[in-house]
């Protein structure tokens, strides 16, 4: 019995170590791949026709404002006003009738002074992969400026590079570690999911559909 328990313990330890190594490798790979395409200074970032804002809810579950949302809107508006992007593609989840991330982003950008005619809504950005791939395949953008927090931008840039896109990313203000701890922990596993999606199961967006030309 003791020998069996010892063997079981060894197997569990090996599995735990293997999982940790996989997580570390996936995170390291994404960090290394994308570090030269990240910008935090409006002046330094290259000009692109379209900025892609990755969606998130405007509100947290407890009713407080979501700072990830607020800071992404602030960043997109700043890039537009600086002439670094001409159009803003807001991509998010609209799975339910009363839940509409793209519409919320549109409304807040208008409040920030971005004209509505320069904002394009993607209602099928259910995941980061969906948003990035649809940006290319539906909205026809080979070059794009991705807008989100640094941790999120890195994952999105990796996906974009896999699809042959010439993307850069602008880092919206991050949320302090205490507020964003759970999000940061989830991100570690989300990066492993990127490798599963891209290299093991060839995950595709939930919806594609007819092409939509931006700035037609």
C-alpha atoms as a PDB file:
ATOM      1  CA  UNK A   1       0.000   0.000   0.000  1.00  0.00           C
ATOM      2  CA  UNK A   2       2.791   2.393   0.929  1.00  0.00           C
ATOM      3  CA  UNK A   3       4.583   1.651  -2.347  1.00  0.00           C
ATOM      4  CA  UNK A   4       1.423   2.371  -4.321  1.00  0.00           C
ATOM      5  CA  UNK A   5       0.918   5.645  -2.482  1.00  0.00           C
ATOM      6  CA  UNK A   6       4.544   6.576  -3.114  1.00  0.00           C
ATOM      7  CA  UNK A   7       4.204   5.853  -6.832  1.00  0.00           C
ATOM      8  CA  UNK A   8       0.976   7.842  -6.953  1.00  0.00           C
ATOM      9  CA  UNK A   9       2.711  10.726  -5.221  1.00  0.00           C
ATOM     10  CA  UNK A  10       5.536  10.639  -7.765  1.00  0.00           C
ATOM     11  CA  UNK A  11       3.078  10.622 -10.674  1.00  0.00           C
ATOM     12  CA  UNK A  12       1.163  13.569  -9.211  1.00  0.00           C
ATOM     13  CA  UNK A  13       4.401  15.477  -8.640  1.00  0.00           C
ATOM     14  CA  UNK A  14       5.507  14.851 -12.246  1.00  0.00           C
ATOM     15  CA  UNK A  15       2.146  16.044 -13.561  1.00  0.00           C
ATOM     16  CA  UNK A  16       2.261  19.174 -11.428  1.00  0.00           C
ATOM     17  CA  UNK A  17       5.813  19.981 -12.563  1.00  0.00           C
ATOM     18  CA  UNK A  18       4.885  19.318 -16.203  1.00  0.00           C
ATOM     19  CA  UNK A  19       1.887  21.648 -15.978  1.00  0.00           C
ATOM     20  CA  UNK A  20       3.971  24.379 -14.366  1.00  0.00           C
ATOM     21  CA  UNK A  21       6.605  24.057 -17.086  1.00  0.00           C
ATOM     22  CA  UNK A  22       3.948  24.301 -19.804  1.00  0.00           C
ATOM     23  CA  UNK A  23       2.503  27.445 -18.233  1.00  0.00           C
ATOM     24  CA  UNK A  24       5.962  29.002 -17.886  1.00  0.00           C
ATOM     25  CA  UNK A  25       6.909  28.155 -21.471  1.00  0.00           C
ATOM     26  CA  UNK A  26       3.700  29.542 -22.999  1.00  0.00           C
ATOM     27  CA  UNK A  27       3.994  32.762 -21.026  1.00  0.00           C
ATOM     28  CA  UNK A  28       7.699  33.150 -21.856  1.00  0.00           C
ATOM     29  CA  UNK A  29       7.075  32.530 -25.559  1.00  0.00           C
ATOM     30  CA  UNK A  30       4.377  35.185 -25.773  1.00  0.00           C
ATOM     31  CA  UNK A  31       6.457  37.699 -23.806  1.00  0.00           C
ATOM     32  CA  UNK A  32       9.466  37.196 -26.089  1.00  0.00           C
ATOM     33  CA  UNK A  33       7.500  37.282 -29.327  1.00  0.00           C
ATOM     34  CA  UNK A  34       5.673  40.530 -28.731  1.00  0.00           C
ATOM     35  CA  UNK A  35       7.857  42.811 -26.639  1.00  0.00           C
ATOM     36  CA  UNK A  36       9.114  44.878 -29.609  1.00  0.00           C
ATOM     37  CA  UNK A  37       5.564  45.632 -30.826  1.00  0.00           C
ATOM     38  CA  UNK A  38       4.272  47.220 -27.616  1.00  0.00           C
ATOM     39  CA  UNK A  39       4.001  50.971 -27.141  1.00  0.00           C
ATOM     40  CA  UNK A  40       3.021  53.095 -24.174  1.00  0.00           C
ATOM     41  CA  UNK A  41       3.824  56.497 -25.659  1.00  0.00           C
ATOM     42  CA  UNK A  42       1.336  58.102 -28.063  1.00  0.00           C
ATOM     43  CA  UNK A  43       4.094  60.002 -29.834  1.00  0.00           C
ATOM     44  CA  UNK A  44       6.222  56.928 -30.549  1.00  0.00           C
ATOM     45  CA  UNK A  45       3.591  54.509 -31.832  1.00  0.00           C
ATOM     46  CA  UNK A  46       3.321  54.165 -35.646  1.00  0.00           C
ATOM     47  CA  UNK A  47       0.247  55.409 -37.499  1.00  0.00           C
ATOM     48  CA  UNK A  48      -2.334  52.824 -38.593  1.00  0.00           C
ATOM     49  CA  UNK A  49      -5.670  53.263 -40.282  1.00  0.00           C
ATOM     50  CA  UNK A  50      -7.530  51.218 -37.662  1.00  0.00           C
ATOM     51  CA  UNK A  51      -7.267  50.759 -33.919  1.00  0.00           C
ATOM     52  CA  UNK A  52      -8.819  47.587 -32.503  1.00  0.00           C
ATOM     53  CA  UNK A  53     -10.186  47.984 -28.981  1.00  0.00           C
ATOM     54  CA  UNK A  54     -10.600  44.625 -27.268  1.00  0.00           C
ATOM     55  CA  UNK A  55     -13.853  44.367 -25.396  1.00  0.00           C
ATOM     56  CA  UNK A  56     -14.694  44.005 -21.760  1.00  0.00           C
ATOM     57  CA  UNK A  57     -17.690  44.830 -19.618  1.00  0.00           C
ATOM     58  CA  UNK A  58     -18.263  48.432 -18.572  1.00  0.00           C
ATOM     59  CA  UNK A  59     -19.286  47.279 -15.100  1.00  0.00           C
ATOM     60  CA  UNK A  60     -17.979  44.739 -12.618  1.00  0.00           C
ATOM     61  CA  UNK A  61     -20.298  42.139 -11.119  1.00  0.00           C
ATOM     62  CA  UNK A  62     -20.588  44.151  -7.905  1.00  0.00           C
ATOM     63  CA  UNK A  63     -21.768  47.206  -9.831  1.00  0.00           C
ATOM     64  CA  UNK A  64     -18.549  49.180  -9.734  1.00  0.00           C
ATOM     65  CA  UNK A  65     -17.062  50.688 -12.908  1.00  0.00           C
ATOM     66  CA  UNK A  66     -14.593  48.383 -14.672  1.00  0.00           C
ATOM     67  CA  UNK A  67     -11.278  50.226 -14.872  1.00  0.00           C
ATOM     68  CA  UNK A  68     -10.053  47.953 -17.652  1.00  0.00           C
ATOM     69  CA  UNK A  69     -12.922  49.280 -19.763  1.00  0.00           C
ATOM     70  CA  UNK A  70     -12.374  52.913 -18.791  1.00  0.00           C
ATOM     71  CA  UNK A  71      -8.648  52.884 -19.485  1.00  0.00           C
ATOM     72  CA  UNK A  72      -9.060  51.197 -22.888  1.00  0.00           C
ATOM     73  CA  UNK A  73     -11.537  53.889 -23.930  1.00  0.00           C
ATOM     74  CA  UNK A  74      -9.171  56.607 -22.703  1.00  0.00           C
ATOM     75  CA  UNK A  75      -6.306  55.077 -24.694  1.00  0.00           C
ATOM     76  CA  UNK A  76      -8.325  54.720 -27.909  1.00  0.00           C
ATOM     77  CA  UNK A  77      -9.566  58.297 -27.700  1.00  0.00           C
ATOM     78  CA  UNK A  78      -6.028  59.568 -27.099  1.00  0.00           C
ATOM     79  CA  UNK A  79      -4.703  57.729 -30.159  1.00  0.00           C
ATOM     80  CA  UNK A  80      -7.531  59.049 -32.327  1.00  0.00           C
ATOM     81  CA  UNK A  81      -7.043  62.646 -31.204  1.00  0.00           C
ATOM     82  CA  UNK A  82      -3.287  62.366 -31.810  1.00  0.00           C
ATOM     83  CA  UNK A  83      -3.911  61.208 -35.387  1.00  0.00           C
ATOM     84  CA  UNK A  84      -2.364  57.790 -34.761  1.00  0.00           C
ATOM     85  CA  UNK A  85      -5.516  55.982 -35.892  1.00  0.00           C
ATOM     86  CA  UNK A  86      -8.338  57.141 -38.160  1.00  0.00           C
ATOM     87  CA  UNK A  87     -10.972  54.544 -37.342  1.00  0.00           C
ATOM     88  CA  UNK A  88     -11.696  52.657 -34.145  1.00  0.00           C
ATOM     89  CA  UNK A  89     -12.987  49.085 -34.353  1.00  0.00           C
ATOM     90  CA  UNK A  90     -14.631  48.196 -31.049  1.00  0.00           C
ATOM     91  CA  UNK A  91     -14.903  44.418 -30.753  1.00  0.00           C
ATOM     92  CA  UNK A  92     -16.732  42.720 -27.933  1.00  0.00           C
ATOM     93  CA  UNK A  93     -19.453  40.419 -26.725  1.00  0.00           C
ATOM     94  CA  UNK A  94     -23.109  40.914 -27.631  1.00  0.00           C
ATOM     95  CA  UNK A  95     -24.339  37.432 -26.720  1.00  0.00           C
ATOM     96  CA  UNK A  96     -27.449  38.657 -24.930  1.00  0.00           C
ATOM     97  CA  UNK A  97     -30.019  41.316 -25.692  1.00  0.00           C
ATOM     98  CA  UNK A  98     -29.121  43.405 -22.654  1.00  0.00           C
ATOM     99  CA  UNK A  99     -25.356  42.879 -22.842  1.00  0.00           C
ATOM    100  CA  UNK A 100     -23.601  44.857 -25.547  1.00  0.00           C
ATOM    101  CA  UNK A 101     -19.907  45.628 -25.077  1.00  0.00           C
ATOM    102  CA  UNK A 102     -19.395  47.233 -28.530  1.00  0.00           C
ATOM    103  CA  UNK A 103     -22.317  49.619 -28.038  1.00  0.00           C
ATOM    104  CA  UNK A 104     -21.040  50.628 -24.595  1.00  0.00           C
ATOM    105  CA  UNK A 105     -17.572  51.276 -26.023  1.00  0.00           C
ATOM    106  CA  UNK A 106     -19.048  53.275 -28.896  1.00  0.00           C
ATOM    107  CA  UNK A 107     -21.086  55.454 -26.542  1.00  0.00           C
ATOM    108  CA  UNK A 108     -18.127  56.186 -24.274  1.00  0.00           C
ATOM    109  CA  UNK A 109     -15.862  57.040 -27.214  1.00  0.00           C
ATOM    110  CA  UNK A 110     -18.448  59.488 -28.511  1.00  0.00           C
ATOM    111  CA  UNK A 111     -18.526  61.097 -25.075  1.00  0.00           C
ATOM    112  CA  UNK A 112     -14.725  61.427 -25.376  1.00  0.00           C
ATOM    113  CA  UNK A 113     -15.109  63.373 -28.617  1.00  0.00           C
ATOM    114  CA  UNK A 114     -14.646  60.628 -31.223  1.00  0.00           C
ATOM    115  CA  UNK A 115     -17.191  61.082 -34.058  1.00  0.00           C
ATOM    116  CA  UNK A 116     -19.575  58.152 -34.400  1.00  0.00           C
ATOM    117  CA  UNK A 117     -18.813  57.773 -38.126  1.00  0.00           C
ATOM    118  CA  UNK A 118     -15.224  56.842 -37.278  1.00  0.00           C
ATOM    119  CA  UNK A 119     -16.258  54.048 -34.904  1.00  0.00           C
ATOM    120  CA  UNK A 120     -16.989  50.570 -36.290  1.00  0.00           C
ATOM    121  CA  UNK A 121     -18.764  47.990 -34.137  1.00  0.00           C
ATOM    122  CA  UNK A 122     -17.933  44.286 -34.137  1.00  0.00           C
ATOM    123  CA  UNK A 123     -20.637  42.467 -32.210  1.00  0.00           C
ATOM    124  CA  UNK A 124     -19.000  39.026 -32.446  1.00  0.00           C
ATOM    125  CA  UNK A 125     -15.759  39.597 -30.552  1.00  0.00           C
ATOM    126  CA  UNK A 126     -16.587  36.925 -28.007  1.00  0.00           C
ATOM    127  CA  UNK A 127     -12.939  36.102 -27.324  1.00  0.00           C
ATOM    128  CA  UNK A 128      -9.612  37.751 -28.051  1.00  0.00           C
ATOM    129  CA  UNK A 129      -9.027  35.253 -30.850  1.00  0.00           C
ATOM    130  CA  UNK A 130     -12.393  36.125 -32.409  1.00  0.00           C
ATOM    131  CA  UNK A 131     -11.666  39.860 -32.259  1.00  0.00           C
ATOM    132  CA  UNK A 132      -8.216  39.594 -33.819  1.00  0.00           C
ATOM    133  CA  UNK A 133      -9.097  37.093 -36.545  1.00  0.00           C
ATOM    134  CA  UNK A 134     -12.305  38.909 -37.473  1.00  0.00           C
ATOM    135  CA  UNK A 135     -10.330  42.146 -37.701  1.00  0.00           C
ATOM    136  CA  UNK A 136      -8.417  40.554 -40.562  1.00  0.00           C
ATOM    137  CA  UNK A 137     -10.932  38.233 -42.197  1.00  0.00           C
ATOM    138  CA  UNK A 138     -14.130  40.264 -41.825  1.00  0.00           C
ATOM    139  CA  UNK A 139     -12.914  43.852 -41.593  1.00  0.00           C
ATOM    140  CA  UNK A 140      -9.980  43.405 -43.964  1.00  0.00           C
ATOM    141  CA  UNK A 141      -7.205  44.806 -41.777  1.00  0.00           C
ATOM    142  CA  UNK A 142      -3.730  43.394 -42.293  1.00  0.00           C
ATOM    143  CA  UNK A 143      -2.154  46.223 -40.266  1.00  0.00           C
ATOM    144  CA  UNK A 144      -3.775  47.297 -37.028  1.00  0.00           C
ATOM    145  CA  UNK A 145      -3.132  48.926 -33.668  1.00  0.00           C
ATOM    146  CA  UNK A 146      -4.463  46.752 -30.847  1.00  0.00           C
ATOM    147  CA  UNK A 147      -5.606  48.609 -27.747  1.00  0.00           C
ATOM    148  CA  UNK A 148      -5.854  46.982 -24.327  1.00  0.00           C
ATOM    149  CA  UNK A 149      -3.819  46.506 -21.142  1.00  0.00           C
ATOM    150  CA  UNK A 150      -0.228  45.225 -21.567  1.00  0.00           C
ATOM    151  CA  UNK A 151      -0.899  41.624 -20.492  1.00  0.00           C
ATOM    152  CA  UNK A 152      -3.831  41.384 -22.902  1.00  0.00           C
ATOM    153  CA  UNK A 153      -2.013  43.113 -25.749  1.00  0.00           C
ATOM    154  CA  UNK A 154       0.773  40.549 -25.674  1.00  0.00           C
ATOM    155  CA  UNK A 155      -1.621  37.662 -26.125  1.00  0.00           C
ATOM    156  CA  UNK A 156      -3.501  39.477 -28.894  1.00  0.00           C
ATOM    157  CA  UNK A 157      -0.246  40.321 -30.693  1.00  0.00           C
ATOM    158  CA  UNK A 158       0.803  36.685 -30.598  1.00  0.00           C
ATOM    159  CA  UNK A 159      -2.472  35.638 -32.194  1.00  0.00           C
ATOM    160  CA  UNK A 160      -2.126  38.383 -34.816  1.00  0.00           C
ATOM    161  CA  UNK A 161       1.401  37.262 -35.685  1.00  0.00           C
ATOM    162  CA  UNK A 162       0.189  33.688 -36.161  1.00  0.00           C
ATOM    163  CA  UNK A 163      -2.285  35.003 -38.738  1.00  0.00           C
ATOM    164  CA  UNK A 164       0.371  37.010 -40.552  1.00  0.00           C
ATOM    165  CA  UNK A 165      -0.878  40.413 -39.426  1.00  0.00           C
ATOM    166  CA  UNK A 166       1.456  43.381 -39.016  1.00  0.00           C
ATOM    167  CA  UNK A 167       0.090  44.507 -35.688  1.00  0.00           C
ATOM    168  CA  UNK A 168       1.355  46.829 -32.999  1.00  0.00           C
ATOM    169  CA  UNK A 169      -0.287  47.433 -29.648  1.00  0.00           C
ATOM    170  CA  UNK A 170      -0.854  50.436 -27.453  1.00  0.00           C
ATOM    171  CA  UNK A 171      -0.833  49.827 -23.716  1.00  0.00           C
ATOM    172  CA  UNK A 172      -3.801  51.295 -21.944  1.00  0.00           C
ATOM    173  CA  UNK A 173      -3.260  52.163 -18.305  1.00  0.00           C
ATOM    174  CA  UNK A 174      -3.112  48.997 -16.245  1.00  0.00           C
ATOM    175  CA  UNK A 175      -5.133  48.243 -13.132  1.00  0.00           C
ATOM    176  CA  UNK A 176      -3.275  47.951  -9.842  1.00  0.00           C
ATOM    177  CA  UNK A 177      -2.218  44.467  -8.788  1.00  0.00           C
ATOM    178  CA  UNK A 178      -4.694  44.255  -5.907  1.00  0.00           C
ATOM    179  CA  UNK A 179      -7.689  45.077  -8.105  1.00  0.00           C
ATOM    180  CA  UNK A 180      -6.547  43.002 -11.059  1.00  0.00           C
ATOM    181  CA  UNK A 181      -4.995  39.994  -9.277  1.00  0.00           C
ATOM    182  CA  UNK A 182      -7.599  37.457 -10.444  1.00  0.00           C
ATOM    183  CA  UNK A 183      -7.395  38.754 -14.000  1.00  0.00           C
ATOM    184  CA  UNK A 184      -3.614  38.429 -13.997  1.00  0.00           C
ATOM    185  CA  UNK A 185      -3.829  34.861 -12.716  1.00  0.00           C
ATOM    186  CA  UNK A 186      -6.406  33.917 -15.359  1.00  0.00           C
ATOM    187  CA  UNK A 187      -4.126  35.405 -17.997  1.00  0.00           C
ATOM    188  CA  UNK A 188      -1.417  32.832 -17.217  1.00  0.00           C
ATOM    189  CA  UNK A 189      -3.809  30.044 -18.177  1.00  0.00           C
ATOM    190  CA  UNK A 190      -5.299  32.001 -21.085  1.00  0.00           C
ATOM    191  CA  UNK A 191      -1.872  32.006 -22.705  1.00  0.00           C
ATOM    192  CA  UNK A 192      -1.738  28.222 -22.534  1.00  0.00           C
ATOM    193  CA  UNK A 193      -5.163  28.196 -24.195  1.00  0.00           C
ATOM    194  CA  UNK A 194      -3.697  30.286 -27.034  1.00  0.00           C
ATOM    195  CA  UNK A 195      -1.274  27.489 -27.880  1.00  0.00           C
ATOM    196  CA  UNK A 196      -4.021  24.875 -27.689  1.00  0.00           C
ATOM    197  CA  UNK A 197      -6.260  26.978 -29.958  1.00  0.00           C
ATOM    198  CA  UNK A 198      -3.588  27.841 -32.508  1.00  0.00           C
ATOM    199  CA  UNK A 199      -1.528  24.674 -32.698  1.00  0.00           C
ATOM    200  CA  UNK A 200      -3.673  21.776 -31.481  1.00  0.00           C
ATOM    201  CA  UNK A 201      -7.302  22.399 -32.429  1.00  0.00           C
ATOM    202  CA  UNK A 202      -7.049  25.262 -34.973  1.00  0.00           C
ATOM    203  CA  UNK A 203      -9.779  27.206 -33.187  1.00  0.00           C
ATOM    204  CA  UNK A 204     -11.724  29.615 -35.404  1.00  0.00           C
ATOM    205  CA  UNK A 205     -14.027  32.521 -34.525  1.00  0.00           C
ATOM    206  CA  UNK A 206     -17.591  31.581 -33.652  1.00  0.00           C
ATOM    207  CA  UNK A 207     -18.833  33.765 -36.514  1.00  0.00           C
ATOM    208  CA  UNK A 208     -17.206  35.236 -39.607  1.00  0.00           C
ATOM    209  CA  UNK A 209     -19.743  36.292 -42.225  1.00  0.00           C
ATOM    210  CA  UNK A 210     -19.683  38.887 -44.988  1.00  0.00           C
ATOM    211  CA  UNK A 211     -16.767  41.258 -45.260  1.00  0.00           C
ATOM    212  CA  UNK A 212     -17.207  44.802 -43.972  1.00  0.00           C
ATOM    213  CA  UNK A 213     -15.020  47.497 -45.455  1.00  0.00           C
ATOM    214  CA  UNK A 214     -13.822  50.151 -43.032  1.00  0.00           C
ATOM    215  CA  UNK A 215     -13.720  53.671 -44.413  1.00  0.00           C
ATOM    216  CA  UNK A 216     -15.576  52.830 -47.606  1.00  0.00           C
END
